[in-house]
Amino acid sequence: MEDIIIILILLCITGSIIFYLYRAKKNSGTCIGCPYSKQCKKNYSSCNGKKTKNKK
């Protein structure tokens, strides 16, 4: 019984992490957790604040 409870808790934690990453990637820019993610969109190839061309 304890094993089932532990597995359910781990599944809930993993599911919530995946859901957070999905929503963050959908709502923000290219980098999750980057402070410039909503500002830079596709003008920056990385989130270090330097403007570069995309390689796509």
N, C-alpha and C. Protein backbone atom coordinates (compact mmCIF):
# COMPACT_ATOMS: atom_id res chain seq x y z
N MET A 1 0.82 -1.20 0.00
CA MET A 1 0.00 0.00 0.00
C MET A 1 0.86 1.26 0.00
N GLU A 2 1.95 1.22 0.76
CA GLU A 2 2.82 2.39 0.81
C GLU A 2 3.48 2.65 -0.54
N ASP A 3 3.78 1.57 -1.26
CA ASP A 3 4.41 1.71 -2.58
C ASP A 3 3.48 2.43 -3.55
N ILE A 4 2.20 2.12 -3.49
CA ILE A 4 1.24 2.75 -4.38
C ILE A 4 1.14 4.24 -4.09
N ILE A 5 1.13 4.62 -2.82
CA ILE A 5 1.06 6.02 -2.43
C ILE A 5 2.30 6.77 -2.90
N ILE A 6 3.45 6.20 -2.74
CA ILE A 6 4.70 6.84 -3.17
C ILE A 6 4.72 7.00 -4.69
N ILE A 7 4.27 5.98 -5.41
CA ILE A 7 4.23 6.05 -6.87
C ILE A 7 3.25 7.13 -7.32
N LEU A 8 2.09 7.24 -6.68
CA LEU A 8 1.12 8.27 -7.03
C LEU A 8 1.67 9.67 -6.77
N ILE A 9 2.36 9.84 -5.65
CA ILE A 9 2.96 11.15 -5.34
C ILE A 9 4.01 11.51 -6.38
N LEU A 10 4.86 10.56 -6.75
CA LEU A 10 5.87 10.82 -7.77
C LEU A 10 5.26 11.12 -9.13
N LEU A 11 4.19 10.43 -9.48
CA LEU A 11 3.50 10.71 -10.74
C LEU A 11 2.87 12.11 -10.75
N CYS A 12 2.33 12.53 -9.62
CA CYS A 12 1.75 13.88 -9.52
C CYS A 12 2.84 14.94 -9.65
N ILE A 13 3.96 14.73 -9.01
CA ILE A 13 5.06 15.69 -9.09
C ILE A 13 5.59 15.76 -10.52
N THR A 14 5.81 14.61 -11.13
CA THR A 14 6.33 14.58 -12.51
C THR A 14 5.33 15.19 -13.47
N GLY A 15 4.06 14.89 -13.31
CA GLY A 15 3.03 15.46 -14.18
C GLY A 15 2.94 16.97 -14.05
N SER A 16 3.06 17.48 -12.83
CA SER A 16 2.98 18.93 -12.65
C SER A 16 4.21 19.63 -13.23
N ILE A 17 5.36 19.01 -13.17
CA ILE A 17 6.56 19.59 -13.77
C ILE A 17 6.42 19.64 -15.28
N ILE A 18 5.94 18.56 -15.87
CA ILE A 18 5.75 18.53 -17.33
C ILE A 18 4.71 19.56 -17.76
N PHE A 19 3.62 19.68 -17.00
CA PHE A 19 2.59 20.66 -17.31
C PHE A 19 3.13 22.09 -17.20
N TYR A 20 3.94 22.36 -16.17
CA TYR A 20 4.55 23.69 -16.02
C TYR A 20 5.47 24.01 -17.20
N LEU A 21 6.30 23.07 -17.60
CA LEU A 21 7.21 23.30 -18.71
C LEU A 21 6.45 23.52 -20.02
N TYR A 22 5.38 22.78 -20.23
CA TYR A 22 4.56 22.93 -21.43
C TYR A 22 3.94 24.32 -21.47
N ARG A 23 3.35 24.76 -20.36
CA ARG A 23 2.71 26.08 -20.33
C ARG A 23 3.74 27.20 -20.43
N ALA A 24 4.88 27.04 -19.78
CA ALA A 24 5.90 28.08 -19.82
C ALA A 24 6.46 28.23 -21.23
N LYS A 25 6.66 27.14 -21.91
CA LYS A 25 7.17 27.18 -23.28
C LYS A 25 6.13 27.77 -24.22
N LYS A 26 4.87 27.48 -23.99
CA LYS A 26 3.80 27.99 -24.84
C LYS A 26 3.57 29.49 -24.63
N ASN A 27 3.65 29.95 -23.39
CA ASN A 27 3.32 31.34 -23.08
C ASN A 27 4.49 32.29 -23.19
N SER A 28 5.69 31.82 -22.95
CA SER A 28 6.82 32.72 -22.97
C SER A 28 7.57 32.60 -24.28
N GLY A 29 8.73 33.22 -24.34
CA GLY A 29 9.53 33.20 -25.56
C GLY A 29 10.26 31.90 -25.75
N THR A 30 11.49 31.98 -26.15
CA THR A 30 12.24 30.79 -26.51
C THR A 30 12.87 30.09 -25.31
N CYS A 31 13.20 30.83 -24.27
CA CYS A 31 13.91 30.24 -23.12
C CYS A 31 13.02 30.27 -21.88
N ILE A 32 12.83 29.14 -21.27
CA ILE A 32 12.03 29.07 -20.04
C ILE A 32 12.89 29.55 -18.88
N GLY A 33 12.38 30.49 -18.12
CA GLY A 33 13.10 30.98 -16.96
C GLY A 33 14.03 32.14 -17.25
N CYS A 34 14.14 32.53 -18.50
CA CYS A 34 15.01 33.65 -18.86
C CYS A 34 14.27 34.96 -18.61
N PRO A 35 14.92 35.95 -18.02
CA PRO A 35 14.22 37.22 -17.77
C PRO A 35 13.91 37.98 -19.05
N TYR A 36 14.56 37.66 -20.15
CA TYR A 36 14.32 38.34 -21.42
C TYR A 36 13.42 37.53 -22.36
N SER A 37 12.82 36.47 -21.88
CA SER A 37 12.12 35.55 -22.77
C SER A 37 10.93 36.18 -23.48
N LYS A 38 10.21 37.08 -22.82
CA LYS A 38 9.07 37.70 -23.48
C LYS A 38 9.48 38.92 -24.30
N GLN A 39 10.66 39.44 -24.08
CA GLN A 39 11.10 40.62 -24.81
C GLN A 39 11.83 40.26 -26.10
N CYS A 40 12.65 39.25 -26.05
CA CYS A 40 13.54 39.01 -27.19
C CYS A 40 12.87 38.22 -28.30
N LYS A 41 11.89 37.41 -28.00
CA LYS A 41 11.23 36.53 -28.97
C LYS A 41 12.26 35.78 -29.78
N LYS A 42 12.39 36.08 -31.08
CA LYS A 42 13.32 35.33 -31.91
C LYS A 42 14.51 36.19 -32.35
N ASN A 43 14.70 37.34 -31.76
CA ASN A 43 15.83 38.20 -32.12
C ASN A 43 17.12 37.76 -31.47
N TYR A 44 17.03 36.97 -30.43
CA TYR A 44 18.20 36.52 -29.71
C TYR A 44 18.32 35.01 -29.83
N SER A 45 19.51 34.54 -30.12
CA SER A 45 19.68 33.09 -30.20
C SER A 45 19.93 32.48 -28.84
N SER A 46 20.31 33.29 -27.87
CA SER A 46 20.46 32.81 -26.51
C SER A 46 19.97 33.90 -25.56
N CYS A 47 19.82 33.58 -24.33
CA CYS A 47 19.26 34.53 -23.36
C CYS A 47 20.35 35.29 -22.61
N ASN A 48 21.44 35.59 -23.24
CA ASN A 48 22.47 36.35 -22.55
C ASN A 48 22.37 37.84 -22.86
N GLY A 49 21.37 38.26 -23.63
CA GLY A 49 21.15 39.66 -23.88
C GLY A 49 21.88 40.21 -25.10
N LYS A 50 22.64 39.41 -25.81
CA LYS A 50 23.34 39.87 -26.99
C LYS A 50 22.49 39.57 -28.22
N LYS A 51 22.34 40.55 -29.07
CA LYS A 51 21.52 40.40 -30.25
C LYS A 51 22.33 39.69 -31.34
N THR A 52 21.82 38.56 -31.79
CA THR A 52 22.46 37.81 -32.86
C THR A 52 21.40 37.30 -33.82
N LYS A 53 21.83 36.84 -34.96
CA LYS A 53 20.89 36.27 -35.93
C LYS A 53 20.61 34.83 -35.56
N ASN A 54 19.36 34.43 -35.82
CA ASN A 54 19.02 33.03 -35.61
C ASN A 54 19.67 32.18 -36.69
N LYS A 55 19.98 30.94 -36.35
CA LYS A 55 20.60 30.06 -37.30
C LYS A 55 19.60 29.24 -38.09
N LYS A 56 18.31 29.49 -37.86
CA LYS A 56 17.28 28.74 -38.58
C LYS A 56 17.00 29.34 -39.93
